[in-house]
Amino acid sequence: MPRFKLTIEYDGTGFVGWQRQDNGPSVQGALEAALKAYCQTDIITHVAGRTDAGVHALGQVAHADIPRDDRPEVVANALNAHLRPHPIAVLSAERVTEEFHARFSAVERAYEYRIVNRRAPLALDRDRAWAIPHPLNAEAMHDGAQALIGKHDFTSFRAAECQADSPVRTLDEITVTRQGEDIVVKVRARSFLHHQVRKIVGTLKLCGEGKWTRADVAAALAAKDRAKAGQTAPAAGLYLVAVKYPV
């Protein structure tokens, strides 16, 4: 049966997250309903990363075994037709081998977190960014972030309900830049813990406010205690940007 890699964009507002759940609509549920309408059979999808309620994706990746030998562009077009009116788009479909797995074959995931730093409330960007009205120093946030690069025990930056076997992760890059009113935090790693990026952003906010320094971030990391890090930033500002696979 042909296996297809699907690259997907979605607005996470209004969804309970990627994973199919009984308490509300999910991105996975909408995609699998579209696959059923297209193929007239139930099809299970597998995803690179399960995003939480309210989190968005610019380049989420899933795979599915589809019992139709259609061209990739036909698959993408058909799924997009059946996904309407959900705010979900299949950007591309690609034939892959049976060895490909959206989650286990991935070698890197890239996330961005967007803060809008202005006094005026959000209108167009409501549910798509974290609005912070008081001034933030993006350079101080970037400096604080460098304490987190590398391989560490990120217990202080994981959710209480995180199901990962180990809190050890390797962050390859963290940058914080200002673009006008926007402050963008970019993070790259092979994998992340539950709420890790949002907890990092909430901690870096303290640096931007002048309350913490890079040393404070390092101390929170070393404490291995969730209570020692900053708040968990809202889901609305988080975007799964891309998933990288071996060439």
Protein backbone atom coordinates (compact mmCIF):
# COMPACT_ATOMS: atom_id res chain seq x y z
CA MET A 1 0.00 0.00 0.00
CA PRO A 2 1.51 3.39 -0.96
CA ARG A 3 2.79 5.50 1.93
CA PHE A 4 2.52 9.26 1.65
CA LYS A 5 4.35 11.96 3.56
CA LEU A 6 1.99 14.91 4.11
CA THR A 7 3.28 18.39 4.94
CA ILE A 8 0.52 20.31 6.69
CA GLU A 9 -0.25 23.86 7.76
CA TYR A 10 -2.95 24.67 10.29
CA ASP A 11 -4.36 27.25 12.65
CA GLY A 12 -4.59 25.49 16.00
CA THR A 13 -7.22 27.87 17.38
CA GLY A 14 -10.38 25.93 18.18
CA PHE A 15 -8.71 22.52 18.14
CA VAL A 16 -7.92 20.45 21.22
CA GLY A 17 -4.53 19.83 19.63
CA TRP A 18 -3.20 17.46 17.00
CA GLN A 19 -4.21 14.23 18.71
CA ARG A 20 -7.70 12.82 18.31
CA GLN A 21 -9.63 13.22 21.58
CA ASP A 22 -13.18 12.84 22.86
CA ASN A 23 -13.42 16.34 24.30
CA GLY A 24 -13.39 18.34 21.08
CA PRO A 25 -12.24 18.64 17.46
CA SER A 26 -8.63 17.76 16.66
CA VAL A 27 -6.39 18.29 13.65
CA GLN A 28 -5.81 14.55 13.40
CA GLY A 29 -9.54 13.88 13.48
CA ALA A 30 -10.19 16.36 10.67
CA LEU A 31 -7.38 14.95 8.53
CA GLU A 32 -8.48 11.36 9.06
CA ALA A 33 -12.07 12.29 8.20
CA ALA A 34 -10.78 13.81 4.96
CA LEU A 35 -8.79 10.64 4.24
CA LYS A 36 -11.89 8.52 4.83
CA ALA A 37 -13.97 10.68 2.51
CA TYR A 38 -11.26 10.36 -0.15
CA CYS A 39 -10.54 6.64 0.22
CA GLN A 40 -13.84 5.33 1.67
CA THR A 41 -12.02 3.55 4.47
CA ASP A 42 -10.57 4.37 7.88
CA ILE A 43 -6.93 5.46 7.74
CA ILE A 44 -4.68 6.20 10.72
CA THR A 45 -2.18 9.04 10.48
CA HIS A 46 1.15 9.28 12.29
CA VAL A 47 2.66 12.68 13.05
CA ALA A 48 6.09 14.19 13.66
CA GLY A 49 4.99 16.06 16.79
CA ARG A 50 1.72 16.27 18.72
CA THR A 51 0.96 19.95 19.09
CA ASP A 52 -1.15 21.16 22.02
CA ALA A 53 -4.49 22.96 21.90
CA GLY A 54 -4.08 26.37 20.30
CA VAL A 55 -0.62 25.67 18.83
CA HIS A 56 -0.19 26.32 15.10
CA ALA A 57 1.87 24.63 12.39
CA LEU A 58 3.54 25.93 9.26
CA GLY A 59 5.22 22.65 8.37
CA GLN A 60 3.82 19.76 10.39
CA VAL A 61 4.54 16.35 8.87
CA ALA A 62 2.36 13.24 9.00
CA HIS A 63 2.34 10.01 7.08
CA ALA A 64 -0.48 7.72 6.04
CA ASP A 65 -0.81 4.49 4.09
CA ILE A 66 -3.34 5.27 1.37
CA PRO A 67 -5.02 2.46 -0.62
CA ARG A 68 -5.01 4.51 -3.84
CA ASP A 69 -2.14 4.79 -6.28
CA ASP A 70 -2.82 8.41 -7.21
CA ARG A 71 -0.24 11.03 -8.06
CA PRO A 72 0.93 13.07 -5.04
CA GLU A 73 -0.69 16.27 -6.30
CA VAL A 74 -4.01 14.43 -6.67
CA VAL A 75 -3.76 13.23 -3.07
CA ALA A 76 -3.03 16.74 -1.77
CA ASN A 77 -5.80 18.34 -3.81
CA ALA A 78 -8.36 15.73 -2.78
CA LEU A 79 -7.54 16.06 0.90
CA ASN A 80 -7.71 19.85 0.75
CA ALA A 81 -11.14 19.62 -0.86
CA HIS A 82 -12.41 17.35 1.92
CA LEU A 83 -10.75 19.43 4.68
CA ARG A 84 -12.85 22.50 3.94
CA PRO A 85 -13.85 24.56 5.91
CA HIS A 86 -11.26 23.59 8.55
CA PRO A 87 -8.24 25.93 8.78
CA ILE A 88 -5.99 23.06 7.67
CA ALA A 89 -4.07 22.79 4.40
CA VAL A 90 -2.02 19.94 2.96
CA LEU A 91 0.88 21.84 1.44
CA SER A 92 2.33 18.79 -0.28
CA ALA A 93 2.06 15.03 -0.56
CA GLU A 94 5.07 12.86 -1.35
CA ARG A 95 5.46 9.14 -1.99
CA VAL A 96 7.88 7.61 0.53
CA THR A 97 9.12 4.13 1.34
CA GLU A 98 7.60 1.89 3.99
CA GLU A 99 10.61 2.63 6.21
CA PHE A 100 9.64 6.29 6.51
CA HIS A 101 7.96 7.30 9.76
CA ALA A 102 6.88 10.89 10.37
CA ARG A 103 7.94 10.77 14.01
CA PHE A 104 10.78 8.29 14.28
CA SER A 105 12.57 9.24 11.05
CA ALA A 106 12.76 12.93 11.97
CA VAL A 107 16.22 14.28 12.81
CA GLU A 108 15.26 17.86 13.69
CA ARG A 109 12.23 19.93 14.61
CA ALA A 110 12.10 23.72 14.44
CA TYR A 111 9.68 25.88 16.41
CA GLU A 112 9.07 29.60 16.55
CA TYR A 113 7.37 31.56 19.27
CA ARG A 114 5.96 34.99 18.47
CA ILE A 115 5.49 37.80 20.98
CA VAL A 116 3.88 41.09 19.98
CA ASN A 117 5.41 43.71 22.24
CA ARG A 118 3.14 46.77 22.24
CA ARG A 119 0.59 48.50 24.42
CA ALA A 120 -2.32 48.18 21.99
CA PRO A 121 -4.26 44.89 22.17
CA LEU A 122 -4.17 42.42 19.30
CA ALA A 123 -6.80 42.55 16.59
CA LEU A 124 -5.54 40.68 13.52
CA ASP A 125 -3.05 38.60 15.53
CA ARG A 126 -5.41 37.55 18.27
CA ASP A 127 -4.85 33.84 19.05
CA ARG A 128 -1.67 33.92 16.94
CA ALA A 129 0.80 35.62 19.31
CA TRP A 130 1.44 36.48 22.95
CA ALA A 131 0.64 40.15 23.55
CA ILE A 132 2.95 41.72 26.14
CA PRO A 133 2.29 45.45 26.67
CA HIS A 134 5.36 46.48 28.69
CA PRO A 135 8.80 46.83 27.04
CA LEU A 136 10.99 43.76 26.62
CA ASN A 137 14.71 43.71 25.88
CA ALA A 138 15.14 41.14 23.11
CA GLU A 139 18.94 41.23 23.39
CA ALA A 140 18.75 40.29 27.07
CA MET A 141 16.34 37.48 26.19
CA HIS A 142 18.74 36.18 23.53
CA ASP A 143 21.65 36.28 25.99
CA GLY A 144 19.66 34.36 28.59
CA ALA A 145 18.66 31.77 26.00
CA GLN A 146 22.27 30.81 25.33
CA ALA A 147 22.45 29.15 28.76
CA LEU A 148 20.10 26.48 27.43
CA ILE A 149 22.02 25.44 24.31
CA GLY A 150 23.47 21.94 24.36
CA LYS A 151 22.62 18.68 26.12
CA HIS A 152 20.94 19.14 29.49
CA ASP A 153 18.41 17.71 31.91
CA PHE A 154 15.42 19.95 31.16
CA THR A 155 13.25 18.87 34.10
CA SER A 156 12.71 22.55 34.97
CA PHE A 157 11.28 23.13 31.49
CA ARG A 158 8.83 20.26 31.08
CA ALA A 159 5.15 19.88 31.88
CA ALA A 160 4.10 17.89 34.92
CA GLU A 161 2.18 15.54 32.61
CA CYS A 162 5.12 15.04 30.21
CA GLN A 163 5.35 11.35 29.30
CA ALA A 164 8.90 11.34 27.93
CA ASP A 165 11.11 8.62 29.39
CA SER A 166 13.99 11.05 29.96
CA PRO A 167 14.16 14.81 30.60
CA VAL A 168 17.50 15.01 28.77
CA ARG A 169 17.36 16.87 25.47
CA THR A 170 19.89 18.61 23.22
CA LEU A 171 18.98 22.07 21.99
CA ASP A 172 20.97 22.92 18.87
CA GLU A 173 20.01 26.57 18.56
CA ILE A 174 17.97 29.25 20.33
CA THR A 175 17.76 32.80 19.02
CA VAL A 176 15.69 35.79 20.07
CA THR A 177 15.31 38.69 17.66
CA ARG A 178 13.15 41.78 17.45
CA GLN A 179 11.41 42.72 14.21
CA GLY A 180 9.57 45.94 14.94
CA GLU A 181 6.83 45.09 17.45
CA ASP A 182 7.48 41.37 17.05
CA ILE A 183 9.91 39.39 19.18
CA VAL A 184 10.57 35.98 17.67
CA VAL A 185 12.12 33.07 19.56
CA LYS A 186 13.47 30.31 17.29
CA VAL A 187 14.43 26.90 18.67
CA ARG A 188 15.89 23.85 16.92
CA ALA A 189 16.40 20.34 18.34
CA ARG A 190 15.92 16.71 17.44
CA SER A 191 13.02 16.48 19.88
CA PHE A 192 11.33 18.43 22.65
CA LEU A 193 9.64 17.74 25.96
CA HIS A 194 5.98 18.59 26.55
CA HIS A 195 5.68 22.38 27.04
CA GLN A 196 9.46 22.78 26.77
CA VAL A 197 9.45 25.62 24.25
CA ARG A 198 6.62 27.46 26.00
CA LYS A 199 8.36 27.13 29.37
CA ILE A 200 11.58 28.44 27.85
CA VAL A 201 9.78 31.47 26.40
CA GLY A 202 8.10 32.20 29.73
CA THR A 203 11.52 32.11 31.39
CA LEU A 204 13.14 34.36 28.76
CA LYS A 205 10.37 36.89 29.32
CA LEU A 206 11.87 37.42 32.80
CA CYS A 207 15.18 38.28 31.13
CA GLY A 208 13.42 40.70 28.79
CA GLU A 209 11.86 42.43 31.79
CA GLY A 210 15.25 42.83 33.47
CA LYS A 211 14.27 40.54 36.34
CA TRP A 212 16.58 37.68 35.38
CA THR A 213 20.03 37.32 33.80
CA ARG A 214 21.68 34.49 31.92
CA ALA A 215 22.98 33.22 35.25
CA ASP A 216 19.44 32.97 36.60
CA VAL A 217 18.40 30.91 33.57
CA ALA A 218 21.37 28.61 34.11
CA ALA A 219 20.45 28.25 37.80
CA ALA A 220 16.85 27.35 36.92
CA LEU A 221 18.11 24.72 34.49
CA ALA A 222 20.50 23.26 37.07
CA ALA A 223 17.75 23.12 39.72
CA LYS A 224 15.83 20.42 37.82
CA ASP A 225 12.66 21.78 39.40
CA ARG A 226 9.67 23.06 37.38
CA ALA A 227 8.91 25.64 40.07
CA LYS A 228 12.29 27.33 39.50
CA ALA A 229 11.67 28.30 35.85
CA GLY A 230 9.33 30.95 34.48
CA GLN A 231 5.69 30.62 33.51
CA THR A 232 4.45 28.51 30.62
CA ALA A 233 3.85 30.92 27.75
CA PRO A 234 0.40 30.80 26.09
CA ALA A 235 -0.10 28.26 23.31
CA ALA A 236 -1.25 30.87 20.79
CA GLY A 237 2.24 32.17 20.03
CA LEU A 238 3.81 28.79 19.23
CA TYR A 239 4.35 27.49 15.69
CA LEU A 240 5.84 24.19 14.50
CA VAL A 241 7.79 25.56 11.56
CA ALA A 242 9.52 22.57 10.01
CA VAL A 243 10.56 18.96 10.47
CA LYS A 244 13.82 17.75 8.95
CA TYR A 245 14.53 14.24 7.68
CA PRO A 246 17.67 12.52 6.37
CA VAL A 247 18.39 13.35 2.74
